N, C-alpha and C. Protein backbone atom coordinates (compact mmCIF):
# COMPACT_ATOMS: atom_id res chain seq x y z
N UNK A 1 4.64 -16.28 -8.62
CA UNK A 1 4.29 -17.02 -7.41
C UNK A 1 4.43 -18.51 -7.66
N UNK A 2 5.16 -19.20 -6.76
CA UNK A 2 5.34 -20.63 -6.90
C UNK A 2 4.39 -21.36 -5.95
N UNK A 3 3.26 -21.83 -6.45
CA UNK A 3 2.29 -22.57 -5.65
C UNK A 3 1.46 -23.43 -6.59
N UNK A 4 1.11 -24.61 -6.12
CA UNK A 4 0.34 -25.55 -6.94
C UNK A 4 -0.49 -26.46 -6.05
N UNK A 5 -1.53 -27.02 -6.63
CA UNK A 5 -2.28 -28.10 -5.99
C UNK A 5 -1.91 -29.38 -6.72
N UNK A 6 -1.76 -30.46 -5.98
CA UNK A 6 -1.35 -31.70 -6.62
C UNK A 6 -1.91 -32.93 -5.92
N UNK A 7 -1.46 -34.07 -6.38
CA UNK A 7 -1.88 -35.36 -5.84
C UNK A 7 -0.65 -36.21 -5.57
N UNK A 8 -0.62 -36.81 -4.39
CA UNK A 8 0.50 -37.68 -4.04
C UNK A 8 0.37 -39.01 -4.79
N UNK A 9 1.36 -39.31 -5.61
CA UNK A 9 1.35 -40.55 -6.39
C UNK A 9 1.96 -41.69 -5.59
N UNK A 10 3.03 -41.41 -4.86
CA UNK A 10 3.70 -42.44 -4.07
C UNK A 10 5.15 -42.07 -3.85
N UNK A 11 5.96 -43.05 -3.44
CA UNK A 11 7.38 -42.81 -3.20
C UNK A 11 8.23 -43.77 -4.03
N UNK A 12 9.42 -43.31 -4.38
CA UNK A 12 10.36 -44.14 -5.12
C UNK A 12 11.76 -43.63 -4.82
N UNK A 13 12.74 -44.10 -5.58
CA UNK A 13 14.09 -43.59 -5.41
C UNK A 13 14.70 -43.34 -6.78
N UNK A 14 15.53 -42.33 -6.86
CA UNK A 14 16.23 -41.99 -8.10
C UNK A 14 17.71 -41.81 -7.78
N UNK A 15 18.53 -41.98 -8.79
CA UNK A 15 19.96 -41.82 -8.62
C UNK A 15 20.41 -40.50 -9.24
N UNK A 16 21.20 -39.73 -8.47
CA UNK A 16 21.72 -38.46 -8.96
C UNK A 16 22.92 -38.67 -9.86
N UNK A 17 23.39 -37.57 -10.44
CA UNK A 17 24.53 -37.64 -11.33
C UNK A 17 25.80 -38.10 -10.61
N UNK A 18 25.85 -37.84 -9.29
CA UNK A 18 27.03 -38.25 -8.53
C UNK A 18 26.90 -39.67 -7.98
N UNK A 19 25.80 -40.37 -8.35
CA UNK A 19 25.60 -41.74 -7.92
C UNK A 19 24.85 -41.89 -6.61
N UNK A 20 24.54 -40.77 -5.95
CA UNK A 20 23.79 -40.85 -4.68
C UNK A 20 22.34 -41.21 -4.94
N UNK A 21 21.78 -42.01 -4.05
CA UNK A 21 20.37 -42.37 -4.19
C UNK A 21 19.52 -41.38 -3.40
N UNK A 22 18.44 -40.93 -4.02
CA UNK A 22 17.52 -39.99 -3.38
C UNK A 22 16.17 -40.65 -3.18
N UNK A 23 15.67 -40.65 -1.94
CA UNK A 23 14.31 -41.16 -1.68
C UNK A 23 13.36 -40.00 -1.91
N UNK A 24 12.46 -40.15 -2.86
CA UNK A 24 11.63 -39.03 -3.27
C UNK A 24 10.15 -39.38 -3.24
N UNK A 25 9.34 -38.35 -3.02
CA UNK A 25 7.89 -38.45 -3.18
C UNK A 25 7.54 -37.95 -4.58
N UNK A 26 6.72 -38.72 -5.27
CA UNK A 26 6.29 -38.34 -6.62
C UNK A 26 4.94 -37.64 -6.50
N UNK A 27 4.87 -36.42 -6.98
CA UNK A 27 3.65 -35.61 -6.87
C UNK A 27 3.21 -35.20 -8.27
N UNK A 28 1.95 -35.51 -8.59
CA UNK A 28 1.36 -35.03 -9.84
C UNK A 28 0.71 -33.68 -9.54
N UNK A 29 1.28 -32.62 -10.08
CA UNK A 29 0.83 -31.27 -9.74
C UNK A 29 0.42 -30.50 -10.99
N UNK A 30 -0.78 -29.90 -10.92
CA UNK A 30 -1.25 -29.07 -12.03
C UNK A 30 -1.54 -29.87 -13.28
N UNK A 31 -1.76 -29.15 -14.40
CA UNK A 31 -1.85 -27.70 -14.48
C UNK A 31 -3.09 -27.17 -13.76
N UNK A 32 -2.92 -26.03 -13.07
CA UNK A 32 -3.99 -25.45 -12.28
C UNK A 32 -4.41 -24.10 -12.87
N UNK A 33 -5.64 -24.00 -13.37
CA UNK A 33 -6.09 -22.70 -13.88
C UNK A 33 -6.38 -21.74 -12.74
N UNK A 34 -6.16 -20.45 -13.01
CA UNK A 34 -6.49 -19.41 -12.03
C UNK A 34 -7.98 -19.11 -12.18
N UNK A 35 -8.76 -19.39 -11.14
CA UNK A 35 -10.22 -19.24 -11.23
C UNK A 35 -10.72 -17.97 -10.55
N UNK A 36 -9.88 -17.29 -9.76
CA UNK A 36 -10.29 -16.03 -9.13
C UNK A 36 -9.04 -15.29 -8.65
N UNK A 37 -9.15 -13.98 -8.59
CA UNK A 37 -8.06 -13.14 -8.08
C UNK A 37 -8.63 -12.23 -7.00
N UNK A 38 -8.03 -12.23 -5.82
CA UNK A 38 -8.46 -11.36 -4.72
C UNK A 38 -7.56 -10.12 -4.68
N UNK A 39 -8.17 -8.98 -4.48
CA UNK A 39 -7.41 -7.72 -4.45
C UNK A 39 -7.67 -6.97 -3.15
N UNK A 40 -6.76 -6.04 -2.82
CA UNK A 40 -6.91 -5.23 -1.61
C UNK A 40 -8.18 -4.38 -1.66
N UNK A 41 -8.47 -3.82 -2.81
CA UNK A 41 -9.61 -2.90 -2.92
C UNK A 41 -10.94 -3.59 -2.67
N UNK A 42 -11.07 -4.82 -3.19
CA UNK A 42 -12.35 -5.53 -3.10
C UNK A 42 -12.41 -6.47 -1.90
N UNK A 43 -11.33 -7.22 -1.67
CA UNK A 43 -11.36 -8.29 -0.66
C UNK A 43 -10.53 -7.98 0.59
N UNK A 44 -9.67 -6.99 0.52
CA UNK A 44 -8.86 -6.66 1.69
C UNK A 44 -7.55 -7.41 1.77
N UNK A 45 -7.30 -8.29 0.84
CA UNK A 45 -6.04 -9.03 0.79
C UNK A 45 -5.76 -9.42 -0.65
N UNK A 46 -4.54 -9.83 -0.94
CA UNK A 46 -4.14 -10.20 -2.29
C UNK A 46 -3.89 -11.70 -2.35
N UNK A 47 -4.60 -12.39 -3.24
CA UNK A 47 -4.42 -13.84 -3.37
C UNK A 47 -4.96 -14.29 -4.72
N UNK A 48 -4.61 -15.50 -5.08
CA UNK A 48 -5.17 -16.12 -6.28
C UNK A 48 -5.79 -17.45 -5.89
N UNK A 49 -6.83 -17.83 -6.60
CA UNK A 49 -7.49 -19.11 -6.36
C UNK A 49 -7.16 -20.05 -7.52
N UNK A 50 -6.61 -21.21 -7.17
CA UNK A 50 -6.28 -22.22 -8.17
C UNK A 50 -7.23 -23.40 -8.04
N UNK A 51 -7.45 -24.11 -9.16
CA UNK A 51 -8.34 -25.27 -9.18
C UNK A 51 -7.57 -26.49 -9.65
N UNK A 52 -8.00 -27.66 -9.16
CA UNK A 52 -7.32 -28.91 -9.51
C UNK A 52 -8.27 -30.08 -9.30
N UNK A 53 -8.04 -31.15 -10.04
CA UNK A 53 -8.78 -32.39 -9.83
C UNK A 53 -9.99 -32.52 -10.73
N UNK A 54 -9.81 -33.15 -11.89
CA UNK A 54 -10.92 -33.29 -12.83
C UNK A 54 -12.04 -34.13 -12.24
N UNK A 55 -13.26 -33.75 -12.52
CA UNK A 55 -14.43 -34.47 -12.05
C UNK A 55 -15.54 -34.29 -13.07
N UNK A 56 -16.72 -34.77 -12.77
CA UNK A 56 -17.87 -34.59 -13.65
C UNK A 56 -18.75 -33.46 -13.13
N UNK A 57 -19.53 -32.87 -14.02
CA UNK A 57 -20.37 -31.74 -13.63
C UNK A 57 -21.39 -32.11 -12.56
N UNK A 58 -21.89 -33.35 -12.61
CA UNK A 58 -22.94 -33.73 -11.66
C UNK A 58 -22.41 -33.82 -10.22
N UNK A 59 -21.09 -33.87 -10.07
CA UNK A 59 -20.51 -33.92 -8.72
C UNK A 59 -20.23 -32.54 -8.15
N UNK A 60 -20.56 -31.49 -8.91
CA UNK A 60 -20.39 -30.12 -8.44
C UNK A 60 -21.74 -29.48 -8.21
N UNK A 61 -21.77 -28.52 -7.30
CA UNK A 61 -23.01 -27.78 -7.07
C UNK A 61 -23.23 -26.80 -8.22
N UNK A 62 -24.43 -26.26 -8.30
CA UNK A 62 -24.74 -25.31 -9.35
C UNK A 62 -23.86 -24.06 -9.24
N UNK A 63 -23.61 -23.65 -8.00
CA UNK A 63 -22.76 -22.48 -7.78
C UNK A 63 -21.33 -22.73 -8.22
N UNK A 64 -20.80 -23.94 -7.92
CA UNK A 64 -19.44 -24.28 -8.34
C UNK A 64 -19.32 -24.35 -9.86
N UNK A 65 -20.34 -24.91 -10.49
CA UNK A 65 -20.31 -24.98 -11.96
C UNK A 65 -20.32 -23.59 -12.58
N UNK A 66 -21.14 -22.69 -12.03
CA UNK A 66 -21.21 -21.33 -12.54
C UNK A 66 -19.90 -20.58 -12.32
N UNK A 67 -19.28 -20.79 -11.16
CA UNK A 67 -18.01 -20.12 -10.84
C UNK A 67 -16.93 -20.53 -11.84
N UNK A 68 -16.85 -21.82 -12.17
CA UNK A 68 -15.83 -22.30 -13.11
C UNK A 68 -16.17 -21.89 -14.55
N UNK A 69 -17.47 -21.84 -14.86
CA UNK A 69 -17.87 -21.48 -16.22
C UNK A 69 -17.48 -20.04 -16.56
N UNK A 70 -17.44 -19.16 -15.55
CA UNK A 70 -17.08 -17.77 -15.78
C UNK A 70 -15.68 -17.63 -16.37
N UNK A 71 -14.80 -18.56 -16.03
CA UNK A 71 -13.40 -18.48 -16.50
C UNK A 71 -13.10 -19.58 -17.51
N UNK A 72 -14.16 -20.19 -18.04
CA UNK A 72 -14.01 -21.25 -19.05
C UNK A 72 -13.14 -22.39 -18.56
N UNK A 73 -13.27 -22.74 -17.28
CA UNK A 73 -12.51 -23.85 -16.72
C UNK A 73 -13.35 -25.12 -16.74
N UNK A 74 -12.74 -26.28 -16.92
CA UNK A 74 -13.48 -27.55 -16.88
C UNK A 74 -13.93 -27.86 -15.46
N UNK A 75 -14.78 -28.86 -15.26
CA UNK A 75 -15.20 -29.23 -13.90
C UNK A 75 -14.00 -29.69 -13.06
N UNK A 76 -13.70 -28.95 -12.00
CA UNK A 76 -12.58 -29.25 -11.11
C UNK A 76 -13.09 -29.21 -9.67
N UNK A 77 -12.67 -30.16 -8.85
CA UNK A 77 -13.28 -30.30 -7.53
C UNK A 77 -12.53 -29.60 -6.39
N UNK A 78 -11.27 -29.25 -6.58
CA UNK A 78 -10.51 -28.63 -5.48
C UNK A 78 -10.19 -27.18 -5.83
N UNK A 79 -10.60 -26.26 -4.94
CA UNK A 79 -10.30 -24.83 -5.10
C UNK A 79 -9.53 -24.39 -3.86
N UNK A 80 -8.34 -23.81 -4.08
CA UNK A 80 -7.50 -23.38 -2.97
C UNK A 80 -6.95 -22.00 -3.27
N UNK A 81 -6.94 -21.13 -2.24
CA UNK A 81 -6.38 -19.79 -2.40
C UNK A 81 -4.94 -19.76 -1.89
N UNK A 82 -4.10 -19.05 -2.63
CA UNK A 82 -2.71 -18.86 -2.24
C UNK A 82 -2.42 -17.36 -2.23
N UNK A 83 -1.73 -16.88 -1.21
CA UNK A 83 -1.36 -15.47 -1.14
C UNK A 83 -0.42 -15.14 -2.30
N UNK A 84 -0.67 -14.01 -2.94
CA UNK A 84 0.13 -13.61 -4.10
C UNK A 84 0.36 -12.10 -4.02
N UNK A 85 1.25 -11.71 -3.11
CA UNK A 85 1.48 -10.28 -2.89
C UNK A 85 2.01 -9.59 -4.15
N UNK A 86 2.70 -10.35 -5.00
CA UNK A 86 3.26 -9.74 -6.20
C UNK A 86 2.19 -9.46 -7.25
N UNK A 87 1.04 -10.15 -7.15
CA UNK A 87 -0.03 -9.96 -8.12
C UNK A 87 0.36 -10.35 -9.53
N UNK A 88 1.08 -11.46 -9.65
CA UNK A 88 1.63 -11.86 -10.95
C UNK A 88 0.59 -12.51 -11.86
N UNK A 89 -0.38 -13.21 -11.29
CA UNK A 89 -1.28 -14.04 -12.08
C UNK A 89 -2.62 -13.35 -12.32
N UNK A 90 -3.23 -13.71 -13.46
CA UNK A 90 -4.53 -13.18 -13.82
C UNK A 90 -5.49 -14.33 -14.07
N UNK A 91 -6.79 -14.04 -13.99
CA UNK A 91 -7.81 -15.07 -14.22
C UNK A 91 -7.66 -15.65 -15.62
N UNK A 92 -7.74 -16.98 -15.71
CA UNK A 92 -7.63 -17.64 -17.00
C UNK A 92 -6.25 -18.22 -17.26
N UNK A 93 -5.21 -17.71 -16.57
CA UNK A 93 -3.87 -18.26 -16.76
C UNK A 93 -3.77 -19.63 -16.10
N UNK A 94 -2.73 -20.37 -16.46
CA UNK A 94 -2.51 -21.69 -15.88
C UNK A 94 -1.15 -21.74 -15.21
N UNK A 95 -1.10 -22.43 -14.06
CA UNK A 95 0.16 -22.65 -13.35
C UNK A 95 0.54 -24.11 -13.51
N UNK A 96 1.77 -24.37 -13.90
CA UNK A 96 2.26 -25.73 -14.10
C UNK A 96 3.46 -25.99 -13.19
N UNK A 97 3.99 -27.21 -13.27
CA UNK A 97 5.15 -27.56 -12.44
C UNK A 97 6.37 -26.74 -12.80
N UNK A 98 6.34 -26.08 -13.94
CA UNK A 98 7.48 -25.25 -14.33
C UNK A 98 7.61 -24.00 -13.46
N UNK A 99 6.62 -23.77 -12.58
CA UNK A 99 6.74 -22.69 -11.61
C UNK A 99 7.82 -22.99 -10.58
N UNK A 100 8.21 -24.26 -10.47
CA UNK A 100 9.27 -24.67 -9.55
C UNK A 100 10.51 -25.06 -10.34
N UNK A 101 11.64 -25.03 -9.67
CA UNK A 101 12.88 -25.40 -10.34
C UNK A 101 13.69 -26.35 -9.46
N UNK A 102 14.55 -27.09 -10.09
CA UNK A 102 15.36 -28.09 -9.41
C UNK A 102 16.21 -27.42 -8.33
N UNK A 103 16.23 -28.02 -7.13
CA UNK A 103 17.00 -27.48 -6.02
C UNK A 103 16.24 -26.52 -5.14
N UNK A 104 15.03 -26.12 -5.55
CA UNK A 104 14.23 -25.17 -4.77
C UNK A 104 13.66 -25.84 -3.52
N UNK A 105 13.51 -25.05 -2.45
CA UNK A 105 12.90 -25.54 -1.22
C UNK A 105 11.41 -25.24 -1.23
N UNK A 106 10.60 -26.24 -0.85
CA UNK A 106 9.15 -26.06 -0.84
C UNK A 106 8.58 -26.59 0.47
N UNK A 107 7.36 -26.18 0.76
CA UNK A 107 6.61 -26.76 1.88
C UNK A 107 5.33 -27.37 1.34
N UNK A 108 4.94 -28.51 1.86
CA UNK A 108 3.80 -29.27 1.36
C UNK A 108 2.78 -29.47 2.48
N UNK A 109 1.53 -29.10 2.20
CA UNK A 109 0.45 -29.25 3.18
C UNK A 109 -0.57 -30.26 2.68
N UNK A 110 -1.11 -31.03 3.60
CA UNK A 110 -2.13 -32.01 3.25
C UNK A 110 -2.77 -32.56 4.51
N UNK A 111 -3.67 -33.50 4.35
CA UNK A 111 -4.31 -34.17 5.48
C UNK A 111 -3.57 -35.45 5.79
N UNK A 112 -3.04 -35.56 7.01
CA UNK A 112 -2.24 -36.73 7.37
C UNK A 112 -3.09 -38.00 7.42
N UNK A 113 -2.43 -39.13 7.35
CA UNK A 113 -3.13 -40.41 7.40
C UNK A 113 -3.84 -40.56 8.75
N UNK A 114 -5.11 -40.98 8.71
CA UNK A 114 -5.86 -41.22 9.95
C UNK A 114 -5.46 -42.56 10.55
N UNK A 115 -5.17 -42.57 11.84
CA UNK A 115 -4.74 -43.80 12.50
C UNK A 115 -5.73 -44.26 13.58
N UNK A 116 -6.91 -43.61 13.61
CA UNK A 116 -7.93 -44.05 14.55
C UNK A 116 -7.62 -43.65 15.99
N UNK A 117 -8.28 -44.31 16.93
CA UNK A 117 -8.10 -44.03 18.36
C UNK A 117 -6.84 -44.75 18.83
N UNK A 118 -5.87 -43.98 19.33
CA UNK A 118 -4.60 -44.56 19.77
C UNK A 118 -4.29 -44.16 21.20
N UNK A 119 -3.48 -44.99 21.85
CA UNK A 119 -3.07 -44.72 23.23
C UNK A 119 -1.93 -43.73 23.30
N UNK A 120 -1.49 -43.46 24.51
CA UNK A 120 -0.47 -42.43 24.72
C UNK A 120 0.91 -42.85 24.22
N UNK A 121 1.21 -44.14 24.21
CA UNK A 121 2.53 -44.59 23.77
C UNK A 121 2.72 -44.30 22.28
N UNK A 122 1.72 -44.64 21.48
CA UNK A 122 1.83 -44.41 20.04
C UNK A 122 1.54 -42.95 19.69
N UNK A 123 0.56 -42.35 20.35
CA UNK A 123 0.13 -41.00 19.98
C UNK A 123 1.12 -39.92 20.42
N UNK A 124 1.70 -40.08 21.61
CA UNK A 124 2.57 -39.03 22.15
C UNK A 124 3.98 -39.50 22.49
N UNK A 125 4.27 -40.79 22.27
CA UNK A 125 5.61 -41.27 22.56
C UNK A 125 5.88 -41.48 24.05
N UNK A 126 4.84 -41.73 24.86
CA UNK A 126 5.05 -41.98 26.28
C UNK A 126 5.87 -43.25 26.48
N UNK A 127 6.55 -43.35 27.62
CA UNK A 127 7.30 -44.56 27.97
C UNK A 127 6.35 -45.64 28.49
N UNK A 128 6.79 -46.87 28.39
CA UNK A 128 6.00 -47.97 28.96
C UNK A 128 6.17 -48.00 30.48
N UNK A 129 5.23 -48.68 31.11
CA UNK A 129 5.36 -48.93 32.54
C UNK A 129 6.15 -50.22 32.77
N UNK A 130 6.33 -50.62 34.02
CA UNK A 130 7.05 -51.86 34.31
C UNK A 130 6.31 -53.07 33.77
N UNK A 131 7.05 -54.08 33.30
CA UNK A 131 6.42 -55.26 32.71
C UNK A 131 6.58 -56.50 33.58
N UNK A 132 7.18 -56.34 34.76
CA UNK A 132 7.38 -57.51 35.64
C UNK A 132 6.68 -57.28 36.97
N UNK A 133 6.78 -58.25 37.84
CA UNK A 133 6.23 -58.20 39.19
C UNK A 133 4.73 -57.91 39.20
N UNK A 134 4.02 -58.49 38.24
CA UNK A 134 2.57 -58.38 38.23
C UNK A 134 2.03 -57.02 37.85
N UNK A 135 2.84 -56.20 37.16
CA UNK A 135 2.38 -54.87 36.78
C UNK A 135 1.23 -54.95 35.80
N UNK A 136 0.25 -54.06 35.97
CA UNK A 136 -0.90 -54.02 35.08
C UNK A 136 -0.98 -52.70 34.29
N UNK A 137 0.08 -51.90 34.35
CA UNK A 137 0.03 -50.63 33.62
C UNK A 137 1.17 -50.53 32.61
N UNK A 138 1.34 -51.60 31.82
CA UNK A 138 2.45 -51.64 30.87
C UNK A 138 2.35 -50.50 29.85
N UNK A 139 1.15 -50.27 29.31
CA UNK A 139 0.97 -49.17 28.34
C UNK A 139 -0.09 -48.17 28.81
N UNK A 140 -0.42 -48.22 30.09
CA UNK A 140 -1.41 -47.28 30.62
C UNK A 140 -0.77 -45.91 30.83
N UNK A 141 -1.57 -44.83 30.71
CA UNK A 141 -0.99 -43.49 30.84
C UNK A 141 -0.57 -43.14 32.25
N UNK A 142 -1.11 -43.82 33.27
CA UNK A 142 -0.76 -43.49 34.64
C UNK A 142 -1.66 -42.40 35.20
N UNK A 143 -1.28 -41.85 36.34
CA UNK A 143 -2.07 -40.82 36.99
C UNK A 143 -2.13 -39.56 36.12
N UNK A 144 -3.32 -38.97 36.03
CA UNK A 144 -3.46 -37.80 35.14
C UNK A 144 -3.99 -36.56 35.87
N UNK A 145 -4.38 -36.67 37.13
CA UNK A 145 -4.96 -35.53 37.81
C UNK A 145 -4.23 -35.19 39.09
N UNK A 146 -4.54 -34.04 39.64
CA UNK A 146 -3.98 -33.64 40.92
C UNK A 146 -4.86 -34.18 42.05
N UNK A 147 -4.61 -33.75 43.26
CA UNK A 147 -5.39 -34.26 44.39
C UNK A 147 -6.64 -33.39 44.59
N UNK A 148 -7.00 -33.16 45.84
CA UNK A 148 -8.24 -32.42 46.12
C UNK A 148 -8.22 -31.02 45.52
N UNK A 149 -7.03 -30.50 45.34
CA UNK A 149 -6.90 -29.20 44.67
C UNK A 149 -6.05 -29.39 43.43
N UNK A 150 -6.53 -29.14 42.21
CA UNK A 150 -7.82 -28.50 41.88
C UNK A 150 -8.96 -29.48 41.60
N UNK A 151 -8.75 -30.75 41.86
CA UNK A 151 -9.80 -31.77 41.69
C UNK A 151 -10.34 -31.85 40.27
N UNK A 152 -9.47 -31.65 39.33
CA UNK A 152 -9.88 -31.77 37.93
C UNK A 152 -8.63 -32.02 37.07
N UNK A 153 -8.88 -32.35 35.83
CA UNK A 153 -7.78 -32.56 34.88
C UNK A 153 -7.64 -31.29 34.04
N UNK A 154 -6.44 -30.77 33.96
CA UNK A 154 -6.22 -29.53 33.21
C UNK A 154 -6.44 -29.74 31.72
N UNK A 155 -6.94 -28.71 31.05
CA UNK A 155 -7.14 -28.77 29.61
C UNK A 155 -5.80 -28.90 28.90
N UNK A 156 -5.82 -29.62 27.78
CA UNK A 156 -4.60 -29.77 27.01
C UNK A 156 -3.73 -30.94 27.43
N UNK A 157 -4.16 -31.71 28.42
CA UNK A 157 -3.38 -32.86 28.85
C UNK A 157 -3.24 -33.87 27.71
N UNK A 158 -2.06 -34.37 27.52
CA UNK A 158 -1.84 -35.36 26.45
C UNK A 158 -2.38 -36.72 26.90
N UNK A 159 -3.37 -37.21 26.18
CA UNK A 159 -3.97 -38.49 26.54
C UNK A 159 -4.31 -39.29 25.30
N UNK A 160 -4.98 -40.42 25.46
CA UNK A 160 -5.41 -41.21 24.30
C UNK A 160 -6.44 -40.45 23.48
N UNK A 161 -6.58 -40.79 22.21
CA UNK A 161 -7.59 -40.15 21.38
C UNK A 161 -7.32 -40.34 19.91
N UNK A 162 -8.11 -39.61 19.09
CA UNK A 162 -7.98 -39.69 17.64
C UNK A 162 -6.58 -39.23 17.21
N UNK A 163 -5.94 -40.02 16.36
CA UNK A 163 -4.59 -39.69 15.89
C UNK A 163 -4.61 -39.56 14.38
N UNK A 164 -3.97 -38.53 13.88
CA UNK A 164 -3.90 -38.33 12.44
C UNK A 164 -5.17 -37.70 11.90
N UNK A 165 -5.34 -37.75 10.57
CA UNK A 165 -6.49 -37.17 9.87
C UNK A 165 -6.63 -35.68 10.18
N UNK A 166 -5.47 -35.00 10.26
CA UNK A 166 -5.47 -33.55 10.50
C UNK A 166 -4.56 -32.88 9.48
N UNK A 167 -4.75 -31.59 9.30
CA UNK A 167 -3.90 -30.85 8.37
C UNK A 167 -2.48 -30.83 8.90
N UNK A 168 -1.53 -31.17 8.04
CA UNK A 168 -0.13 -31.19 8.42
C UNK A 168 0.70 -30.54 7.32
N UNK A 169 1.79 -29.88 7.70
CA UNK A 169 2.67 -29.22 6.74
C UNK A 169 4.09 -29.70 6.94
N UNK A 170 4.71 -30.18 5.87
CA UNK A 170 6.10 -30.60 5.90
C UNK A 170 6.93 -29.51 5.22
N UNK A 171 7.88 -28.94 5.94
CA UNK A 171 8.66 -27.82 5.41
C UNK A 171 10.06 -28.27 5.01
N UNK A 172 10.69 -27.45 4.17
CA UNK A 172 12.09 -27.68 3.82
C UNK A 172 12.34 -28.82 2.88
N UNK A 173 11.35 -29.24 2.09
CA UNK A 173 11.56 -30.31 1.13
C UNK A 173 12.25 -29.75 -0.12
N UNK A 174 13.16 -30.50 -0.67
CA UNK A 174 13.91 -30.05 -1.84
C UNK A 174 13.34 -30.65 -3.11
N UNK A 175 13.20 -29.84 -4.14
CA UNK A 175 12.76 -30.33 -5.44
C UNK A 175 13.95 -31.03 -6.10
N UNK A 176 13.84 -32.36 -6.23
CA UNK A 176 14.93 -33.15 -6.83
C UNK A 176 14.88 -33.07 -8.35
N UNK A 177 13.65 -33.08 -8.90
CA UNK A 177 13.52 -33.00 -10.36
C UNK A 177 12.14 -32.50 -10.72
N UNK A 178 12.03 -31.88 -11.89
CA UNK A 178 10.77 -31.38 -12.44
C UNK A 178 10.56 -32.03 -13.80
N UNK A 179 9.40 -32.68 -13.99
CA UNK A 179 9.09 -33.37 -15.26
C UNK A 179 7.86 -32.72 -15.87
N UNK A 180 8.03 -31.63 -16.62
CA UNK A 180 6.88 -30.88 -17.15
C UNK A 180 6.02 -31.68 -18.11
N UNK A 181 6.63 -32.58 -18.88
CA UNK A 181 5.86 -33.34 -19.86
C UNK A 181 4.86 -34.28 -19.21
N UNK A 182 5.09 -34.65 -17.94
CA UNK A 182 4.19 -35.55 -17.22
C UNK A 182 3.55 -34.88 -16.01
N UNK A 183 3.77 -33.57 -15.86
CA UNK A 183 3.22 -32.82 -14.72
C UNK A 183 3.63 -33.42 -13.38
N UNK A 184 4.89 -33.80 -13.25
CA UNK A 184 5.37 -34.45 -12.04
C UNK A 184 6.45 -33.62 -11.37
N UNK A 185 6.42 -33.66 -10.03
CA UNK A 185 7.49 -33.11 -9.20
C UNK A 185 8.05 -34.24 -8.35
N UNK A 186 9.38 -34.30 -8.23
CA UNK A 186 10.03 -35.26 -7.35
C UNK A 186 10.59 -34.48 -6.17
N UNK A 187 10.09 -34.78 -4.96
CA UNK A 187 10.48 -34.06 -3.75
C UNK A 187 11.23 -34.98 -2.81
N UNK A 188 12.38 -34.53 -2.32
CA UNK A 188 13.15 -35.35 -1.39
C UNK A 188 12.40 -35.50 -0.08
N UNK A 189 12.20 -36.74 0.36
CA UNK A 189 11.51 -37.00 1.62
C UNK A 189 10.04 -37.33 1.42
N UNK A 190 9.32 -37.36 2.52
CA UNK A 190 7.91 -37.74 2.49
C UNK A 190 7.01 -36.52 2.63
N UNK A 191 5.79 -36.66 2.12
CA UNK A 191 4.80 -35.60 2.21
C UNK A 191 3.58 -36.13 2.94
N UNK A 192 2.78 -35.26 3.57
CA UNK A 192 1.63 -35.73 4.35
C UNK A 192 0.58 -36.43 3.50
N UNK A 193 -0.10 -37.41 4.13
CA UNK A 193 -1.25 -38.03 3.51
C UNK A 193 -0.97 -39.34 2.81
N UNK A 194 -2.04 -40.03 2.39
CA UNK A 194 -1.91 -41.32 1.71
C UNK A 194 -1.70 -41.13 0.21
N UNK A 195 -1.47 -42.22 -0.49
CA UNK A 195 -1.40 -42.17 -1.95
C UNK A 195 -2.74 -41.70 -2.49
N UNK A 196 -2.69 -40.81 -3.45
CA UNK A 196 -3.93 -40.27 -4.01
C UNK A 196 -4.47 -39.08 -3.26
N UNK A 197 -3.84 -38.71 -2.14
CA UNK A 197 -4.31 -37.58 -1.35
C UNK A 197 -3.97 -36.25 -2.01
N UNK A 198 -4.83 -35.26 -1.81
CA UNK A 198 -4.61 -33.94 -2.38
C UNK A 198 -3.68 -33.14 -1.47
N UNK A 199 -2.70 -32.47 -2.07
CA UNK A 199 -1.74 -31.69 -1.30
C UNK A 199 -1.55 -30.32 -1.93
N UNK A 200 -1.02 -29.39 -1.16
CA UNK A 200 -0.72 -28.04 -1.63
C UNK A 200 0.79 -27.83 -1.53
N UNK A 201 1.38 -27.33 -2.59
CA UNK A 201 2.82 -27.12 -2.64
C UNK A 201 3.09 -25.63 -2.77
N UNK A 202 3.91 -25.10 -1.87
CA UNK A 202 4.27 -23.67 -1.88
C UNK A 202 5.79 -23.54 -1.79
N UNK A 203 6.31 -22.45 -2.32
CA UNK A 203 7.73 -22.18 -2.13
C UNK A 203 7.97 -21.86 -0.67
N UNK A 204 9.08 -22.36 -0.13
CA UNK A 204 9.41 -22.18 1.29
C UNK A 204 10.60 -21.23 1.39
N UNK A 205 10.33 -19.98 1.69
CA UNK A 205 11.40 -18.98 1.72
C UNK A 205 12.06 -18.95 3.08
């Protein structure tokens, strides 16, 4: 199973053997110990739980410390389950960046950057209103409701509001390079979230 938890380090560019420049996201991923295995008989589904992110014991609850102590894992703050239908991994094993290979397609999930309360132009790409002849609705959303029937605004209407700070998944990213000695993955393109944000990397079939 190709899956890892990692941290977004930032973006840079590298040059390929053919001289082409690649804009890549640098991700520090793993090593992630397997802290639990879910089975059909006990849990009703097949998955493995990986841990990532060193921390101190005082920042974990007593239950979290006991859970990690069962598998002789150090204090780690992020626990994520990944589906593992093949049942390849066992408790105590470690997953590293070597689970991925150069040229492989992956999908990356994380929490997108929070942009606060935004209007419809930035949040949904609405067009501007007229800017001449005394117009006062240059970036206003305009009319949003119907008339006497139904006398309300339908649910799901695109309007101003909180933008970002939600789970997002970027699919189809290519692994440009794998650096096992430094636990780094170089992925073509951008991944969700800010620098230092925690992300999940899965193979994208």
